[in-house]
Amino acid sequence: MPTKPTKEIDSVAIRFTGDSRDGMQLTGTKFTEATALAGNDLSTLPDFPAEIRAPPGTLAGVSGFQIHFSSHDIRTPADQPDVLVAFNPAALRANVEDLRPGGMLILNGDAFHQKALQRAGYEEDPLPVLRGRFQVVEIPFTRLNREALADLNLSQRDADRCKNFFALGLMYWLYNRPVESTLRWLETRFKGAVLEANVRVVKAGHAFGETTELFAAS
């Protein structure tokens, strides 16, 4: 397989956003640990939801985690993220105006259906307009995660709880972060099918990055 082109960047700020049940704080924490182990300086900013038990998919339940990292000194988590990972329309609406012009917007395409858009307060699909402002990358995280776990004895609800680790694996590939520390942590936290599921989707997300043509460079 031909080697994909790579792009060297001075620094980057990434914001992970989703529902309070989507594991954004954990995703951001694991990415932070991997970044520290890679030898980068960094600054983080967790953003907790206004209501811990807010109705799913609403603005009040949006959770986020931002990390700014570089090979040189970093003193702030950055005012504007360069990359926004949004797991649902509410996360998009609550955060998209912070994304720098021309920044990358990575979306869970499976979550952008009419009911979810309405729950987030959108009267129409915002993506046609956003494609003119940002680099929009739609990825069916929910479907790809379920396919990776199809042969495991897990309920759909339990399987869907792993999709944040699929996204994490993808971001590890995109920014050349080591995955080993996360895999070791999973082995200390889970057992059986749940451990297998989380390890599998981290690797599946990383492999998806290797094979997809959605990114011009890594």
C-alpha atoms as a PDB file:
ATOM      1  CA  MET A   1       0.000   0.000   0.000  1.00  0.00           C
ATOM      2  CA  PRO A   2       1.446   3.431  -0.930  1.00  0.00           C
ATOM      3  CA  THR A   3       2.476   5.597   2.004  1.00  0.00           C
ATOM      4  CA  LYS A   4       0.072   8.450   2.615  1.00  0.00           C
ATOM      5  CA  PRO A   5       1.470  11.968   2.522  1.00  0.00           C
ATOM      6  CA  THR A   6       2.185  13.523   5.907  1.00  0.00           C
ATOM      7  CA  LYS A   7       2.041  17.148   6.968  1.00  0.00           C
ATOM      8  CA  GLU A   8       4.204  18.601   9.731  1.00  0.00           C
ATOM      9  CA  ILE A   9       2.396  21.147  11.905  1.00  0.00           C
ATOM     10  CA  ASP A  10       3.740  23.431  14.619  1.00  0.00           C
ATOM     11  CA  SER A  11       0.861  22.941  17.063  1.00  0.00           C
ATOM     12  CA  VAL A  12      -2.751  21.817  17.077  1.00  0.00           C
ATOM     13  CA  ALA A  13      -5.784  22.225  19.334  1.00  0.00           C
ATOM     14  CA  ILE A  14      -8.429  19.492  19.272  1.00  0.00           C
ATOM     15  CA  ARG A  15     -11.820  19.619  20.961  1.00  0.00           C
ATOM     16  CA  PHE A  16     -13.766  16.396  21.552  1.00  0.00           C
ATOM     17  CA  THR A  17     -17.492  17.058  22.051  1.00  0.00           C
ATOM     18  CA  GLY A  18     -20.578  14.945  22.526  1.00  0.00           C
ATOM     19  CA  ASP A  19     -23.367  14.028  24.879  1.00  0.00           C
ATOM     20  CA  SER A  20     -22.550  13.628  28.567  1.00  0.00           C
ATOM     21  CA  ARG A  21     -22.910   9.857  28.013  1.00  0.00           C
ATOM     22  CA  ASP A  22     -20.459   9.734  25.093  1.00  0.00           C
ATOM     23  CA  GLY A  23     -17.259   9.579  27.159  1.00  0.00           C
ATOM     24  CA  MET A  24     -15.673  12.791  25.935  1.00  0.00           C
ATOM     25  CA  GLN A  25     -13.755  13.430  29.164  1.00  0.00           C
ATOM     26  CA  LEU A  26     -12.272   9.926  29.029  1.00  0.00           C
ATOM     27  CA  THR A  27     -11.455  10.273  25.335  1.00  0.00           C
ATOM     28  CA  GLY A  28      -9.693  13.578  25.931  1.00  0.00           C
ATOM     29  CA  THR A  29      -7.817  12.230  28.947  1.00  0.00           C
ATOM     30  CA  LYS A  30      -6.492   9.215  27.048  1.00  0.00           C
ATOM     31  CA  PHE A  31      -5.442  11.387  24.099  1.00  0.00           C
ATOM     32  CA  THR A  32      -3.688  13.690  26.575  1.00  0.00           C
ATOM     33  CA  GLU A  33      -1.785  10.793  28.155  1.00  0.00           C
ATOM     34  CA  ALA A  34      -0.670   9.524  24.754  1.00  0.00           C
ATOM     35  CA  THR A  35       0.436  13.023  23.766  1.00  0.00           C
ATOM     36  CA  ALA A  36       2.482  13.420  26.949  1.00  0.00           C
ATOM     37  CA  LEU A  37       4.136  10.048  26.321  1.00  0.00           C
ATOM     38  CA  ALA A  38       4.971  11.220  22.787  1.00  0.00           C
ATOM     39  CA  GLY A  39       7.029  13.994  24.393  1.00  0.00           C
ATOM     40  CA  ASN A  40       4.838  16.991  23.514  1.00  0.00           C
ATOM     41  CA  ASP A  41       4.041  19.935  25.741  1.00  0.00           C
ATOM     42  CA  LEU A  42       0.321  20.457  26.216  1.00  0.00           C
ATOM     43  CA  SER A  43      -2.513  22.264  27.942  1.00  0.00           C
ATOM     44  CA  THR A  44      -6.046  20.956  28.450  1.00  0.00           C
ATOM     45  CA  LEU A  45      -9.504  22.346  29.187  1.00  0.00           C
ATOM     46  CA  PRO A  46     -12.300  19.975  30.253  1.00  0.00           C
ATOM     47  CA  ASP A  47     -15.820  21.342  29.690  1.00  0.00           C
ATOM     48  CA  PHE A  48     -18.526  19.630  31.705  1.00  0.00           C
ATOM     49  CA  PRO A  49     -22.235  19.726  30.773  1.00  0.00           C
ATOM     50  CA  ALA A  50     -24.599  22.236  32.325  1.00  0.00           C
ATOM     51  CA  GLU A  51     -26.842  19.350  33.406  1.00  0.00           C
ATOM     52  CA  ILE A  52     -25.312  15.960  34.127  1.00  0.00           C
ATOM     53  CA  ARG A  53     -28.613  14.176  33.497  1.00  0.00           C
ATOM     54  CA  ALA A  54     -29.870  16.412  30.705  1.00  0.00           C
ATOM     55  CA  PRO A  55     -32.066  14.761  28.039  1.00  0.00           C
ATOM     56  CA  PRO A  56     -29.847  13.017  25.451  1.00  0.00           C
ATOM     57  CA  GLY A  57     -28.945  15.130  22.450  1.00  0.00           C
ATOM     58  CA  THR A  58     -29.767  18.505  24.017  1.00  0.00           C
ATOM     59  CA  LEU A  59     -27.479  21.509  24.400  1.00  0.00           C
ATOM     60  CA  ALA A  60     -27.568  21.302  28.206  1.00  0.00           C
ATOM     61  CA  GLY A  61     -25.971  17.853  28.111  1.00  0.00           C
ATOM     62  CA  VAL A  62     -23.026  18.657  25.841  1.00  0.00           C
ATOM     63  CA  SER A  63     -19.640  17.669  27.248  1.00  0.00           C
ATOM     64  CA  GLY A  64     -16.241  18.590  25.837  1.00  0.00           C
ATOM     65  CA  PHE A  65     -12.504  18.265  26.289  1.00  0.00           C
ATOM     66  CA  GLN A  66      -9.914  20.422  24.529  1.00  0.00           C
ATOM     67  CA  ILE A  67      -6.200  19.721  24.223  1.00  0.00           C
ATOM     68  CA  HIS A  68      -3.581  22.035  22.726  1.00  0.00           C
ATOM     69  CA  PHE A  69      -0.209  20.394  22.091  1.00  0.00           C
ATOM     70  CA  SER A  70       3.100  21.084  20.368  1.00  0.00           C
ATOM     71  CA  SER A  71       6.783  20.222  20.350  1.00  0.00           C
ATOM     72  CA  HIS A  72       7.483  23.625  21.969  1.00  0.00           C
ATOM     73  CA  ASP A  73       6.098  25.305  25.090  1.00  0.00           C
ATOM     74  CA  ILE A  74       2.304  25.498  25.329  1.00  0.00           C
ATOM     75  CA  ARG A  75       0.828  27.933  27.835  1.00  0.00           C
ATOM     76  CA  THR A  76      -2.924  27.909  27.096  1.00  0.00           C
ATOM     77  CA  PRO A  77      -5.511  25.402  25.836  1.00  0.00           C
ATOM     78  CA  ALA A  78      -6.090  27.812  22.874  1.00  0.00           C
ATOM     79  CA  ASP A  79      -9.040  30.089  22.197  1.00  0.00           C
ATOM     80  CA  GLN A  80     -10.012  28.380  18.947  1.00  0.00           C
ATOM     81  CA  PRO A  81      -9.635  24.643  18.255  1.00  0.00           C
ATOM     82  CA  ASP A  82      -8.129  23.638  14.917  1.00  0.00           C
ATOM     83  CA  VAL A  83     -10.129  20.402  14.963  1.00  0.00           C
ATOM     84  CA  LEU A  84     -13.616  19.814  16.348  1.00  0.00           C
ATOM     85  CA  VAL A  85     -14.848  16.246  16.800  1.00  0.00           C
ATOM     86  CA  ALA A  86     -18.642  16.398  17.277  1.00  0.00           C
ATOM     87  CA  PHE A  87     -20.604  13.284  18.117  1.00  0.00           C
ATOM     88  CA  ASN A  88     -24.080  14.777  17.631  1.00  0.00           C
ATOM     89  CA  PRO A  89     -25.846  17.930  16.391  1.00  0.00           C
ATOM     90  CA  ALA A  90     -26.075  19.431  19.890  1.00  0.00           C
ATOM     91  CA  ALA A  91     -22.303  19.140  20.317  1.00  0.00           C
ATOM     92  CA  LEU A  92     -21.873  20.756  16.922  1.00  0.00           C
ATOM     93  CA  ARG A  93     -24.202  23.647  17.657  1.00  0.00           C
ATOM     94  CA  ALA A  94     -22.660  24.341  21.067  1.00  0.00           C
ATOM     95  CA  ASN A  95     -19.083  24.432  19.740  1.00  0.00           C
ATOM     96  CA  VAL A  96     -18.870  25.099  16.010  1.00  0.00           C
ATOM     97  CA  GLU A  97     -18.555  28.889  16.284  1.00  0.00           C
ATOM     98  CA  ASP A  98     -15.335  28.385  18.272  1.00  0.00           C
ATOM     99  CA  LEU A  99     -13.676  26.411  15.465  1.00  0.00           C
ATOM    100  CA  ARG A 100     -11.095  28.461  13.592  1.00  0.00           C
ATOM    101  CA  PRO A 101     -12.008  29.429   9.998  1.00  0.00           C
ATOM    102  CA  GLY A 102     -11.003  26.618   7.656  1.00  0.00           C
ATOM    103  CA  GLY A 103     -10.540  24.205  10.557  1.00  0.00           C
ATOM    104  CA  MET A 104     -11.368  20.508  10.427  1.00  0.00           C
ATOM    105  CA  LEU A 105     -14.825  19.383  11.534  1.00  0.00           C
ATOM    106  CA  ILE A 106     -15.093  15.619  12.149  1.00  0.00           C
ATOM    107  CA  LEU A 107     -18.678  14.446  12.607  1.00  0.00           C
ATOM    108  CA  ASN A 108     -20.414  11.226  13.572  1.00  0.00           C
ATOM    109  CA  GLY A 109     -22.508  11.132  10.407  1.00  0.00           C
ATOM    110  CA  ASP A 110     -24.881   8.528  11.883  1.00  0.00           C
ATOM    111  CA  ALA A 111     -26.085  11.040  14.495  1.00  0.00           C
ATOM    112  CA  PHE A 112     -27.188  13.725  12.035  1.00  0.00           C
ATOM    113  CA  HIS A 113     -30.774  12.647  11.408  1.00  0.00           C
ATOM    114  CA  GLN A 114     -33.863  14.830  11.517  1.00  0.00           C
ATOM    115  CA  LYS A 115     -34.914  14.026  15.074  1.00  0.00           C
ATOM    116  CA  ALA A 116     -31.443  14.757  16.481  1.00  0.00           C
ATOM    117  CA  LEU A 117     -31.207  17.997  14.509  1.00  0.00           C
ATOM    118  CA  GLN A 118     -34.548  19.155  15.900  1.00  0.00           C
ATOM    119  CA  ARG A 119     -33.570  18.200  19.444  1.00  0.00           C
ATOM    120  CA  ALA A 120     -30.472  20.383  19.091  1.00  0.00           C
ATOM    121  CA  GLY A 121     -32.578  23.313  17.868  1.00  0.00           C
ATOM    122  CA  TYR A 122     -31.721  23.148  14.167  1.00  0.00           C
ATOM    123  CA  GLU A 123     -34.611  23.941  11.836  1.00  0.00           C
ATOM    124  CA  GLU A 124     -32.653  22.608   8.846  1.00  0.00           C
ATOM    125  CA  ASP A 125     -29.474  20.679   8.125  1.00  0.00           C
ATOM    126  CA  PRO A 126     -26.506  22.977   8.926  1.00  0.00           C
ATOM    127  CA  LEU A 127     -23.918  20.941   7.032  1.00  0.00           C
ATOM    128  CA  PRO A 128     -24.320  22.488   3.548  1.00  0.00           C
ATOM    129  CA  VAL A 129     -23.423  25.905   4.979  1.00  0.00           C
ATOM    130  CA  LEU A 130     -20.636  24.543   7.190  1.00  0.00           C
ATOM    131  CA  ARG A 131     -18.946  22.836   4.232  1.00  0.00           C
ATOM    132  CA  GLY A 132     -18.222  26.288   2.869  1.00  0.00           C
ATOM    133  CA  ARG A 133     -16.527  27.365   6.111  1.00  0.00           C
ATOM    134  CA  PHE A 134     -14.659  24.276   7.317  1.00  0.00           C
ATOM    135  CA  GLN A 135     -13.080  21.006   6.208  1.00  0.00           C
ATOM    136  CA  VAL A 136     -16.050  18.763   6.999  1.00  0.00           C
ATOM    137  CA  VAL A 137     -15.322  15.052   7.405  1.00  0.00           C
ATOM    138  CA  GLU A 138     -18.370  12.848   8.025  1.00  0.00           C
ATOM    139  CA  ILE A 139     -17.609   9.411   9.467  1.00  0.00           C
ATOM    140  CA  PRO A 140     -20.297   6.861  10.450  1.00  0.00           C
ATOM    141  CA  PHE A 141     -18.756   6.182  13.860  1.00  0.00           C
ATOM    142  CA  THR A 142     -21.828   4.373  15.187  1.00  0.00           C
ATOM    143  CA  ARG A 143     -22.128   1.991  12.233  1.00  0.00           C
ATOM    144  CA  LEU A 144     -18.396   1.272  11.963  1.00  0.00           C
ATOM    145  CA  ASN A 145     -18.213   0.634  15.703  1.00  0.00           C
ATOM    146  CA  ARG A 146     -21.133  -1.803  15.563  1.00  0.00           C
ATOM    147  CA  GLU A 147     -19.599  -3.637  12.615  1.00  0.00           C
ATOM    148  CA  ALA A 148     -16.321  -4.046  14.489  1.00  0.00           C
ATOM    149  CA  LEU A 149     -18.179  -5.626  17.431  1.00  0.00           C
ATOM    150  CA  ALA A 150     -20.833  -7.594  15.551  1.00  0.00           C
ATOM    151  CA  ASP A 151     -19.593 -11.020  16.657  1.00  0.00           C
ATOM    152  CA  LEU A 152     -19.299 -10.168  20.364  1.00  0.00           C
ATOM    153  CA  ASN A 153     -21.997 -10.994  22.882  1.00  0.00           C
ATOM    154  CA  LEU A 154     -22.833  -7.375  23.703  1.00  0.00           C
ATOM    155  CA  SER A 155     -26.113  -5.506  23.668  1.00  0.00           C
ATOM    156  CA  GLN A 156     -26.363  -2.698  21.120  1.00  0.00           C
ATOM    157  CA  ARG A 157     -26.372  -0.200  23.986  1.00  0.00           C
ATOM    158  CA  ASP A 158     -23.133  -1.594  25.413  1.00  0.00           C
ATOM    159  CA  ALA A 159     -21.543  -1.760  21.966  1.00  0.00           C
ATOM    160  CA  ASP A 160     -22.465   1.866  21.241  1.00  0.00           C
ATOM    161  CA  ARG A 161     -20.726   2.980  24.428  1.00  0.00           C
ATOM    162  CA  CYS A 162     -17.422   2.019  22.774  1.00  0.00           C
ATOM    163  CA  LYS A 163     -17.686   4.380  19.794  1.00  0.00           C
ATOM    164  CA  ASN A 164     -15.668   7.097  21.528  1.00  0.00           C
ATOM    165  CA  PHE A 165     -12.700   4.691  21.477  1.00  0.00           C
ATOM    166  CA  PHE A 166     -13.172   4.159  17.749  1.00  0.00           C
ATOM    167  CA  ALA A 167     -12.848   7.927  17.320  1.00  0.00           C
ATOM    168  CA  LEU A 168      -9.861   7.924  19.681  1.00  0.00           C
ATOM    169  CA  GLY A 169      -8.095   5.294  17.580  1.00  0.00           C
ATOM    170  CA  LEU A 170      -8.692   7.399  14.476  1.00  0.00           C
ATOM    171  CA  MET A 171      -7.261  10.509  16.125  1.00  0.00           C
ATOM    172  CA  TYR A 172      -4.231   8.515  17.296  1.00  0.00           C
ATOM    173  CA  TRP A 173      -3.560   7.649  13.669  1.00  0.00           C
ATOM    174  CA  LEU A 174      -4.242  11.168  12.366  1.00  0.00           C
ATOM    175  CA  TYR A 175      -1.770  12.781  14.799  1.00  0.00           C
ATOM    176  CA  ASN A 176       0.695   9.891  15.100  1.00  0.00           C
ATOM    177  CA  ARG A 177       0.042   9.235  18.793  1.00  0.00           C
ATOM    178  CA  PRO A 178       1.067   5.933  20.431  1.00  0.00           C
ATOM    179  CA  VAL A 179      -1.832   3.581  21.212  1.00  0.00           C
ATOM    180  CA  GLU A 180       0.006   1.236  23.566  1.00  0.00           C
ATOM    181  CA  SER A 181      -0.636   3.183  26.777  1.00  0.00           C
ATOM    182  CA  THR A 182      -4.380   3.158  26.146  1.00  0.00           C
ATOM    183  CA  LEU A 183      -4.391  -0.567  25.404  1.00  0.00           C
ATOM    184  CA  ARG A 184      -2.499  -1.240  28.647  1.00  0.00           C
ATOM    185  CA  TRP A 185      -4.938   0.943  30.595  1.00  0.00           C
ATOM    186  CA  LEU A 186      -7.912  -0.917  29.148  1.00  0.00           C
ATOM    187  CA  GLU A 187      -6.443  -4.202  30.367  1.00  0.00           C
ATOM    188  CA  THR A 188      -6.381  -2.840  33.929  1.00  0.00           C
ATOM    189  CA  ARG A 189      -9.936  -1.478  33.741  1.00  0.00           C
ATOM    190  CA  PHE A 190     -12.042  -4.083  31.909  1.00  0.00           C
ATOM    191  CA  LYS A 191     -12.349  -7.813  31.466  1.00  0.00           C
ATOM    192  CA  GLY A 192     -13.935 -10.292  29.085  1.00  0.00           C
ATOM    193  CA  ALA A 193     -16.098  -9.077  26.208  1.00  0.00           C
ATOM    194  CA  VAL A 194     -16.000  -5.440  27.336  1.00  0.00           C
ATOM    195  CA  LEU A 195     -12.191  -5.441  27.274  1.00  0.00           C
ATOM    196  CA  GLU A 196     -12.161  -7.144  23.883  1.00  0.00           C
ATOM    197  CA  ALA A 197     -14.675  -4.622  22.552  1.00  0.00           C
ATOM    198  CA  ASN A 198     -12.733  -1.548  23.610  1.00  0.00           C
ATOM    199  CA  VAL A 199      -9.359  -2.883  22.463  1.00  0.00           C
ATOM    200  CA  ARG A 200     -10.885  -3.913  19.156  1.00  0.00           C
ATOM    201  CA  VAL A 201     -12.456  -0.543  18.383  1.00  0.00           C
ATOM    202  CA  VAL A 202      -9.303   1.443  19.250  1.00  0.00           C
ATOM    203  CA  LYS A 203      -7.458  -0.707  16.718  1.00  0.00           C
ATOM    204  CA  ALA A 204     -10.361  -0.509  14.244  1.00  0.00           C
ATOM    205  CA  GLY A 205     -10.377   3.288  14.402  1.00  0.00           C
ATOM    206  CA  HIS A 206      -6.638   3.375  13.816  1.00  0.00           C
ATOM    207  CA  ALA A 207      -6.975   0.960  10.883  1.00  0.00           C
ATOM    208  CA  PHE A 208      -9.809   3.050   9.435  1.00  0.00           C
ATOM    209  CA  GLY A 209      -7.480   6.043   9.376  1.00  0.00           C
ATOM    210  CA  GLU A 210      -4.856   3.980   7.551  1.00  0.00           C
ATOM    211  CA  THR A 211      -7.268   2.878   4.835  1.00  0.00           C
ATOM    212  CA  THR A 212      -9.734   5.737   4.355  1.00  0.00           C
ATOM    213  CA  GLU A 213      -9.317   8.387   1.667  1.00  0.00           C
ATOM    214  CA  LEU A 214     -11.166  11.025   3.719  1.00  0.00           C
ATOM    215  CA  PHE A 215      -7.941  12.706   4.865  1.00  0.00           C
ATOM    216  CA  ALA A 216      -5.514  14.210   2.379  1.00  0.00           C
ATOM    217  CA  ALA A 217      -2.604  13.859   4.790  1.00  0.00           C
ATOM    218  CA  SER A 218      -1.899  12.404   8.215  1.00  0.00           C
END
